[in-house]
C-alpha atoms as a PDB file:
ATOM      1  CA  MET A   1      94.213 111.480  94.542  1.00  0.00           C
ATOM      2  CA  THR A   2      94.084 108.138  96.191  1.00  0.00           C
ATOM      3  CA  ASP A   3      93.568 106.430  99.186  1.00  0.00           C
ATOM      4  CA  GLU A   4      96.921 104.985  99.678  1.00  0.00           C
ATOM      5  CA  VAL A   5      99.853 107.476  99.107  1.00  0.00           C
ATOM      6  CA  GLY A   6      98.343 110.683  98.120  1.00  0.00           C
ATOM      7  CA  VAL A   7      98.934 112.459  94.600  1.00  0.00           C
ATOM      8  CA  VAL A   8     100.272 109.674  92.126  1.00  0.00           C
ATOM      9  CA  THR A   9     101.635 111.540  88.706  1.00  0.00           C
ATOM     10  CA  GLY A  10     103.186 110.072  85.855  1.00  0.00           C
ATOM     11  CA  ASP A  11     102.178 108.293  83.294  1.00  0.00           C
ATOM     12  CA  LEU A  12      99.359 106.089  85.023  1.00  0.00           C
ATOM     13  CA  THR A  13      97.079 102.978  84.316  1.00  0.00           C
ATOM     14  CA  VAL A  14      93.341 103.949  85.599  1.00  0.00           C
ATOM     15  CA  ALA A  15      91.080 100.657  85.580  1.00  0.00           C
ATOM     16  CA  THR A  16      87.243 101.113  86.288  1.00  0.00           C
ATOM     17  CA  THR A  17      86.159  97.919  87.121  1.00  0.00           C
ATOM     18  CA  VAL A  18      81.743  96.400  88.651  1.00  0.00           C
ATOM     19  CA  GLN A  19      82.533  95.058  91.824  1.00  0.00           C
ATOM     20  CA  ALA A  20      80.169  91.687  92.587  1.00  0.00           C
ATOM     21  CA  ASP A  21      77.701  94.162  94.975  1.00  0.00           C
ATOM     22  CA  GLY A  22      77.455  96.833  91.911  1.00  0.00           C
ATOM     23  CA  LEU A  23      79.243  99.334  92.047  1.00  0.00           C
ATOM     24  CA  ALA A  24      82.655 100.478  90.253  1.00  0.00           C
ATOM     25  CA  ALA A  25      85.688 100.739  91.401  1.00  0.00           C
ATOM     26  CA  VAL A  26      88.474 103.056  89.317  1.00  0.00           C
ATOM     27  CA  THR A  27      91.792 101.834  90.845  1.00  0.00           C
ATOM     28  CA  LEU A  28      95.013 103.143  89.768  1.00  0.00           C
ATOM     29  CA  GLN A  29      99.265 102.162  88.699  1.00  0.00           C
ATOM     30  CA  TYR A  30     102.141 104.402  87.493  1.00  0.00           C
ATOM     31  CA  THR A  31     102.226 101.836  84.203  1.00  0.00           C
ATOM     32  CA  GLY A  32     104.025  98.530  84.549  1.00  0.00           C
ATOM     33  CA  ALA A  33     104.416  98.815  88.354  1.00  0.00           C
ATOM     34  CA  GLU A  34     102.815  95.846  90.262  1.00  0.00           C
ATOM     35  CA  GLU A  35     100.866  97.786  93.296  1.00  0.00           C
ATOM     36  CA  TRP A  36      97.377  99.496  92.600  1.00  0.00           C
ATOM     37  CA  TYR A  37      96.002 102.488  94.210  1.00  0.00           C
ATOM     38  CA  THR A  38      91.786 103.388  95.453  1.00  0.00           C
ATOM     39  CA  LEU A  39      90.813 106.444  93.380  1.00  0.00           C
ATOM     40  CA  THR A  40      89.651 108.214  96.620  1.00  0.00           C
ATOM     41  CA  GLY A  41      85.735 108.653  96.801  1.00  0.00           C
ATOM     42  CA  SER A  42      85.752 104.813  95.176  1.00  0.00           C
ATOM     43  CA  PRO A  43      83.742 102.253  95.142  1.00  0.00           C
ATOM     44  CA  VAL A  44      80.421 105.019  93.293  1.00  0.00           C
ATOM     45  CA  ASP A  45      77.583 104.100  91.959  1.00  0.00           C
ATOM     46  CA  VAL A  46      77.869 103.570  88.095  1.00  0.00           C
ATOM     47  CA  PRO A  47      75.928 106.032  86.296  1.00  0.00           C
ATOM     48  CA  ALA A  48      73.170 105.337  83.447  1.00  0.00           C
ATOM     49  CA  GLU A  49      74.786 106.323  81.438  1.00  0.00           C
ATOM     50  CA  GLY A  50      77.532 103.272  81.882  1.00  0.00           C
ATOM     51  CA  LEU A  51      80.416 101.819  82.540  1.00  0.00           C
ATOM     52  CA  GLN A  52      82.834 102.967  79.659  1.00  0.00           C
ATOM     53  CA  HIS A  53      80.942 106.725  80.770  1.00  0.00           C
ATOM     54  CA  LEU A  54      82.226 106.325  84.205  1.00  0.00           C
ATOM     55  CA  HIS A  55      85.743 105.810  83.177  1.00  0.00           C
ATOM     56  CA  ASP A  56      86.228 108.149  80.225  1.00  0.00           C
ATOM     57  CA  THR A  57      84.894 111.022  83.165  1.00  0.00           C
ATOM     58  CA  VAL A  58      87.681 109.847  85.619  1.00  0.00           C
ATOM     59  CA  LEU A  59      90.016 110.102  83.152  1.00  0.00           C
ATOM     60  CA  ASP A  60      89.371 113.177  82.191  1.00  0.00           C
ATOM     61  CA  LYS A  61      89.197 114.879  85.726  1.00  0.00           C
ATOM     62  CA  ILE A  62      92.523 112.498  85.998  1.00  0.00           C
ATOM     63  CA  ARG A  63      93.996 114.409  83.266  1.00  0.00           C
ATOM     64  CA  SER A  64      93.484 117.619  84.346  1.00  0.00           C
ATOM     65  CA  GLY A  65      95.308 117.106  87.158  1.00  0.00           C
ATOM     66  CA  GLY A  66      94.633 118.891  90.948  1.00  0.00           C
ATOM     67  CA  GLY A  67      94.713 115.769  92.847  1.00  0.00           C
ATOM     68  CA  ALA A  68      91.616 114.593  91.244  1.00  0.00           C
ATOM     69  CA  ARG A  69      88.035 111.991  93.178  1.00  0.00           C
ATOM     70  CA  ALA A  70      85.718 109.666  91.959  1.00  0.00           C
ATOM     71  CA  PRO A  71      83.001 111.690  90.684  1.00  0.00           C
ATOM     72  CA  ARG A  72      79.749 112.218  92.593  1.00  0.00           C
END
């Protein structure tokens, strides 16, 4: 689920990055496209387990389908 266009499906590229304010932004795009979209619920706090853990959690949610949102 994205803020800009709703649900996206297919071959996606996902990026999880730390912003200047310390929150983690999760964005995604159709692989090979130019436009990036914000995963609904992003930005979020970086968990104690770290950014990679957050990224892996997001990937698991996206792969399971159902309009995934950023974890809280």
